[in-house]
């Protein structure tokens, strides 16, 4: 599984229906399961982004399908970052001259 960090911000539509945000997150988790994406953790945050989540996906295609499915709903805009564990980073660093 590949790990990603999702940074999400509410759209105007998402803010107008803010009381359903936790239900939408639960529904997104189910969509993820069907598409090969595990929403491992989700946090509502203060600051530049409204939600931060840790995602695990089998591959980039699965993650992209998930991101597009969520985007279609129009409640959030997202930015996704590839994340590396310490063990993965050690392997990367071992390749350096």
N, C-alpha and C. Protein backbone atom coordinates (compact mmCIF):
# COMPACT_ATOMS: atom_id res chain seq x y z
N UNK A 1 0.84 -1.19 0.00
CA UNK A 1 0.00 0.00 0.00
C UNK A 1 0.89 1.25 0.00
N UNK A 2 0.44 2.23 -0.73
CA UNK A 2 1.13 3.51 -0.81
C UNK A 2 0.39 4.50 0.08
N UNK A 3 1.13 5.31 0.84
CA UNK A 3 0.53 6.27 1.77
C UNK A 3 0.50 7.66 1.16
N UNK A 4 -0.62 8.35 1.39
CA UNK A 4 -0.81 9.72 0.93
C UNK A 4 -1.39 10.55 2.07
N UNK A 5 -1.13 11.84 2.03
CA UNK A 5 -1.75 12.79 2.95
C UNK A 5 -2.71 13.65 2.12
N UNK A 6 -3.95 13.69 2.53
CA UNK A 6 -4.95 14.51 1.85
C UNK A 6 -5.18 15.80 2.63
N UNK A 7 -5.06 16.93 1.95
CA UNK A 7 -5.35 18.24 2.54
C UNK A 7 -6.61 18.76 1.87
N UNK A 8 -7.67 18.92 2.65
CA UNK A 8 -8.95 19.30 2.07
C UNK A 8 -9.44 20.63 2.63
N UNK A 9 -10.11 21.39 1.78
CA UNK A 9 -10.71 22.66 2.17
C UNK A 9 -12.16 22.65 1.73
N UNK A 10 -13.03 23.13 2.60
CA UNK A 10 -14.45 23.18 2.27
C UNK A 10 -14.72 24.17 1.14
N UNK A 11 -15.61 23.79 0.24
CA UNK A 11 -16.14 24.73 -0.75
C UNK A 11 -17.29 25.47 -0.08
N UNK A 12 -17.86 26.42 -0.78
CA UNK A 12 -19.03 27.12 -0.24
C UNK A 12 -20.17 26.13 0.02
N UNK A 13 -20.34 25.20 -0.89
CA UNK A 13 -21.37 24.17 -0.71
C UNK A 13 -21.09 23.35 0.54
N UNK A 14 -19.84 22.98 0.76
CA UNK A 14 -19.47 22.20 1.93
C UNK A 14 -19.73 22.94 3.24
N UNK A 15 -19.49 24.24 3.23
CA UNK A 15 -19.74 25.05 4.43
C UNK A 15 -21.23 25.17 4.69
N UNK A 16 -22.02 25.32 3.62
CA UNK A 16 -23.47 25.45 3.79
C UNK A 16 -24.10 24.20 4.39
N UNK A 17 -23.46 23.06 4.20
CA UNK A 17 -23.98 21.79 4.75
C UNK A 17 -22.99 21.20 5.75
N UNK A 18 -22.33 22.06 6.51
CA UNK A 18 -21.26 21.66 7.43
C UNK A 18 -21.72 20.62 8.46
N UNK A 19 -22.99 20.66 8.85
CA UNK A 19 -23.46 19.72 9.87
C UNK A 19 -23.42 18.27 9.40
N UNK A 20 -23.28 18.04 8.10
CA UNK A 20 -23.21 16.69 7.58
C UNK A 20 -21.76 16.23 7.31
N UNK A 21 -20.77 17.03 7.74
CA UNK A 21 -19.39 16.71 7.38
C UNK A 21 -18.92 15.35 7.89
N UNK A 22 -19.33 14.96 9.10
CA UNK A 22 -18.88 13.66 9.61
C UNK A 22 -19.59 12.51 8.88
N UNK A 23 -20.84 12.72 8.49
CA UNK A 23 -21.54 11.70 7.72
C UNK A 23 -20.94 11.57 6.32
N UNK A 24 -20.55 12.71 5.73
CA UNK A 24 -19.91 12.67 4.42
C UNK A 24 -18.57 11.94 4.50
N UNK A 25 -17.84 12.16 5.58
CA UNK A 25 -16.56 11.48 5.76
C UNK A 25 -16.76 9.96 5.85
N UNK A 26 -17.77 9.54 6.58
CA UNK A 26 -18.07 8.11 6.69
C UNK A 26 -18.45 7.53 5.33
N UNK A 27 -19.23 8.28 4.57
CA UNK A 27 -19.61 7.83 3.22
C UNK A 27 -18.38 7.77 2.31
N UNK A 28 -17.47 8.75 2.44
CA UNK A 28 -16.25 8.76 1.64
C UNK A 28 -15.39 7.55 1.96
N UNK A 29 -15.36 7.17 3.23
CA UNK A 29 -14.59 5.99 3.64
C UNK A 29 -15.12 4.74 2.94
N UNK A 30 -16.43 4.63 2.81
CA UNK A 30 -17.04 3.49 2.13
C UNK A 30 -16.72 3.51 0.63
N UNK A 31 -16.76 4.69 0.02
CA UNK A 31 -16.39 4.82 -1.39
C UNK A 31 -14.94 4.38 -1.56
N UNK A 32 -14.09 4.82 -0.66
CA UNK A 32 -12.69 4.43 -0.71
C UNK A 32 -12.51 2.92 -0.67
N UNK A 33 -13.22 2.25 0.20
CA UNK A 33 -13.12 0.79 0.30
C UNK A 33 -13.43 0.12 -1.04
N UNK A 34 -14.47 0.62 -1.70
CA UNK A 34 -14.86 0.04 -3.00
C UNK A 34 -13.80 0.28 -4.07
N UNK A 35 -13.04 1.37 -3.92
CA UNK A 35 -12.07 1.75 -4.94
C UNK A 35 -10.63 1.36 -4.60
N UNK A 36 -10.44 0.66 -3.48
CA UNK A 36 -9.09 0.23 -3.10
C UNK A 36 -8.30 1.27 -2.33
N UNK A 37 -9.03 2.17 -1.64
CA UNK A 37 -8.39 3.21 -0.83
C UNK A 37 -8.88 3.10 0.60
N UNK A 38 -7.94 3.10 1.54
CA UNK A 38 -8.28 3.06 2.95
C UNK A 38 -8.07 4.45 3.54
N UNK A 39 -9.16 5.06 4.02
CA UNK A 39 -9.03 6.32 4.76
C UNK A 39 -8.64 5.94 6.18
N UNK A 40 -7.35 5.90 6.41
CA UNK A 40 -6.80 5.41 7.68
C UNK A 40 -7.15 6.34 8.84
N UNK A 41 -6.94 7.65 8.65
CA UNK A 41 -7.25 8.65 9.68
C UNK A 41 -7.84 9.88 9.02
N UNK A 42 -8.72 10.57 9.74
CA UNK A 42 -9.27 11.84 9.27
C UNK A 42 -9.38 12.78 10.45
N UNK A 43 -8.93 14.02 10.23
CA UNK A 43 -8.95 15.04 11.28
C UNK A 43 -9.53 16.33 10.71
N UNK A 44 -10.39 16.96 11.47
CA UNK A 44 -10.87 18.30 11.13
C UNK A 44 -9.90 19.27 11.80
N UNK A 45 -9.45 20.25 11.05
CA UNK A 45 -8.35 21.08 11.52
C UNK A 45 -8.68 22.57 11.42
N UNK A 46 -7.87 23.35 12.11
CA UNK A 46 -7.93 24.80 12.03
C UNK A 46 -6.76 25.26 11.18
N UNK A 47 -6.93 26.37 10.47
CA UNK A 47 -5.82 26.87 9.68
C UNK A 47 -6.13 26.84 8.19
N UNK A 48 -5.10 26.69 7.39
CA UNK A 48 -5.24 26.76 5.94
C UNK A 48 -6.15 25.66 5.38
N UNK A 49 -6.11 24.47 5.96
CA UNK A 49 -6.93 23.35 5.49
C UNK A 49 -7.94 22.98 6.56
N UNK A 50 -9.11 22.54 6.11
CA UNK A 50 -10.19 22.20 7.04
C UNK A 50 -10.17 20.74 7.48
N UNK A 51 -9.59 19.89 6.64
CA UNK A 51 -9.53 18.45 6.93
C UNK A 51 -8.17 17.93 6.48
N UNK A 52 -7.59 17.06 7.29
CA UNK A 52 -6.37 16.35 6.90
C UNK A 52 -6.66 14.87 7.08
N UNK A 53 -6.33 14.09 6.05
CA UNK A 53 -6.54 12.64 6.20
C UNK A 53 -5.33 11.87 5.71
N UNK A 54 -5.17 10.71 6.30
CA UNK A 54 -4.11 9.78 5.91
C UNK A 54 -4.79 8.69 5.10
N UNK A 55 -4.31 8.52 3.88
CA UNK A 55 -4.91 7.57 2.95
C UNK A 55 -3.89 6.50 2.57
N UNK A 56 -4.36 5.29 2.36
CA UNK A 56 -3.52 4.23 1.83
C UNK A 56 -4.23 3.69 0.59
N UNK A 57 -3.47 3.54 -0.48
CA UNK A 57 -4.06 3.05 -1.73
C UNK A 57 -3.19 1.98 -2.35
N UNK A 58 -3.82 1.09 -3.09
CA UNK A 58 -3.09 0.04 -3.79
C UNK A 58 -2.21 0.63 -4.88
N UNK A 59 -2.69 1.69 -5.53
CA UNK A 59 -1.95 2.31 -6.63
C UNK A 59 -2.50 3.72 -6.89
N UNK A 60 -1.82 4.45 -7.76
CA UNK A 60 -2.22 5.82 -8.07
C UNK A 60 -3.58 5.89 -8.76
N UNK A 61 -3.89 4.90 -9.58
CA UNK A 61 -5.17 4.90 -10.28
C UNK A 61 -6.33 4.80 -9.29
N UNK A 62 -6.19 3.95 -8.28
CA UNK A 62 -7.23 3.82 -7.26
C UNK A 62 -7.41 5.12 -6.51
N UNK A 63 -6.29 5.74 -6.12
CA UNK A 63 -6.37 7.01 -5.39
C UNK A 63 -7.00 8.09 -6.26
N UNK A 64 -6.61 8.15 -7.52
CA UNK A 64 -7.15 9.17 -8.42
C UNK A 64 -8.65 8.98 -8.61
N UNK A 65 -9.11 7.75 -8.78
CA UNK A 65 -10.54 7.49 -8.90
C UNK A 65 -11.28 7.93 -7.64
N UNK A 66 -10.70 7.66 -6.49
CA UNK A 66 -11.29 8.08 -5.22
C UNK A 66 -11.38 9.60 -5.14
N UNK A 67 -10.27 10.28 -5.45
CA UNK A 67 -10.25 11.74 -5.40
C UNK A 67 -11.30 12.35 -6.34
N UNK A 68 -11.42 11.79 -7.53
CA UNK A 68 -12.41 12.30 -8.49
C UNK A 68 -13.84 12.05 -8.00
N UNK A 69 -14.08 10.89 -7.40
CA UNK A 69 -15.41 10.59 -6.86
C UNK A 69 -15.80 11.58 -5.77
N UNK A 70 -14.84 11.92 -4.91
CA UNK A 70 -15.10 12.89 -3.84
C UNK A 70 -15.30 14.29 -4.42
N UNK A 71 -14.47 14.64 -5.40
CA UNK A 71 -14.57 15.97 -6.02
C UNK A 71 -15.92 16.18 -6.69
N UNK A 72 -16.48 15.13 -7.27
CA UNK A 72 -17.78 15.24 -7.94
C UNK A 72 -18.88 15.72 -7.01
N UNK A 73 -18.75 15.46 -5.74
CA UNK A 73 -19.79 15.87 -4.78
C UNK A 73 -19.77 17.37 -4.53
N UNK A 74 -18.63 18.02 -4.74
CA UNK A 74 -18.54 19.46 -4.65
C UNK A 74 -18.43 20.06 -3.26
N UNK A 75 -18.16 19.25 -2.24
CA UNK A 75 -18.09 19.77 -0.87
C UNK A 75 -16.69 20.19 -0.44
N UNK A 76 -15.67 19.64 -1.08
CA UNK A 76 -14.29 19.95 -0.72
C UNK A 76 -13.42 20.05 -1.96
N UNK A 77 -12.34 20.79 -1.83
CA UNK A 77 -11.24 20.82 -2.80
C UNK A 77 -10.08 20.13 -2.10
N UNK A 78 -9.30 19.36 -2.85
CA UNK A 78 -8.24 18.61 -2.18
C UNK A 78 -6.90 18.78 -2.86
N UNK A 79 -5.89 18.56 -2.07
CA UNK A 79 -4.52 18.46 -2.52
C UNK A 79 -3.98 17.19 -1.87
N UNK A 80 -3.32 16.36 -2.66
CA UNK A 80 -2.85 15.08 -2.13
C UNK A 80 -1.34 15.00 -2.24
N UNK A 81 -0.71 14.59 -1.16
CA UNK A 81 0.74 14.48 -1.09
C UNK A 81 1.14 13.02 -0.91
N UNK A 82 2.16 12.58 -1.62
CA UNK A 82 2.71 11.24 -1.42
C UNK A 82 3.52 11.28 -0.14
N UNK A 83 3.32 10.33 0.73
CA UNK A 83 4.03 10.30 2.02
C UNK A 83 4.92 9.06 2.09
N UNK A 84 6.06 9.19 2.76
CA UNK A 84 7.01 8.09 2.91
C UNK A 84 7.25 7.82 4.39
N UNK A 85 7.22 6.55 4.76
CA UNK A 85 7.55 6.16 6.13
C UNK A 85 9.05 6.27 6.31
N UNK A 86 9.52 6.14 7.56
CA UNK A 86 10.95 6.18 7.82
C UNK A 86 11.66 5.04 7.08
N UNK A 87 11.06 3.86 7.06
CA UNK A 87 11.67 2.72 6.37
C UNK A 87 11.77 2.98 4.86
N UNK A 88 10.73 3.56 4.29
CA UNK A 88 10.77 3.89 2.86
C UNK A 88 11.82 4.95 2.57
N UNK A 89 11.91 5.93 3.46
CA UNK A 89 12.90 7.00 3.28
C UNK A 89 14.32 6.44 3.37
N UNK A 90 14.54 5.49 4.27
CA UNK A 90 15.86 4.85 4.39
C UNK A 90 16.26 4.18 3.08
N UNK A 91 15.32 3.52 2.43
CA UNK A 91 15.60 2.88 1.14
C UNK A 91 15.94 3.92 0.07
N UNK A 92 15.24 5.03 0.10
CA UNK A 92 15.52 6.13 -0.85
C UNK A 92 16.91 6.68 -0.59
N UNK A 93 17.21 6.95 0.66
CA UNK A 93 18.52 7.51 1.01
C UNK A 93 19.66 6.56 0.67
N UNK A 94 19.42 5.26 0.75
CA UNK A 94 20.46 4.27 0.43
C UNK A 94 20.85 4.33 -1.04
N UNK A 95 20.01 4.89 -1.88
CA UNK A 95 20.32 5.00 -3.32
C UNK A 95 21.20 6.20 -3.63
N UNK A 96 21.35 7.10 -2.67
CA UNK A 96 22.17 8.29 -2.91
C UNK A 96 23.64 7.91 -2.97
N UNK A 97 24.41 8.62 -3.80
CA UNK A 97 25.85 8.33 -3.87
C UNK A 97 26.56 8.75 -2.59
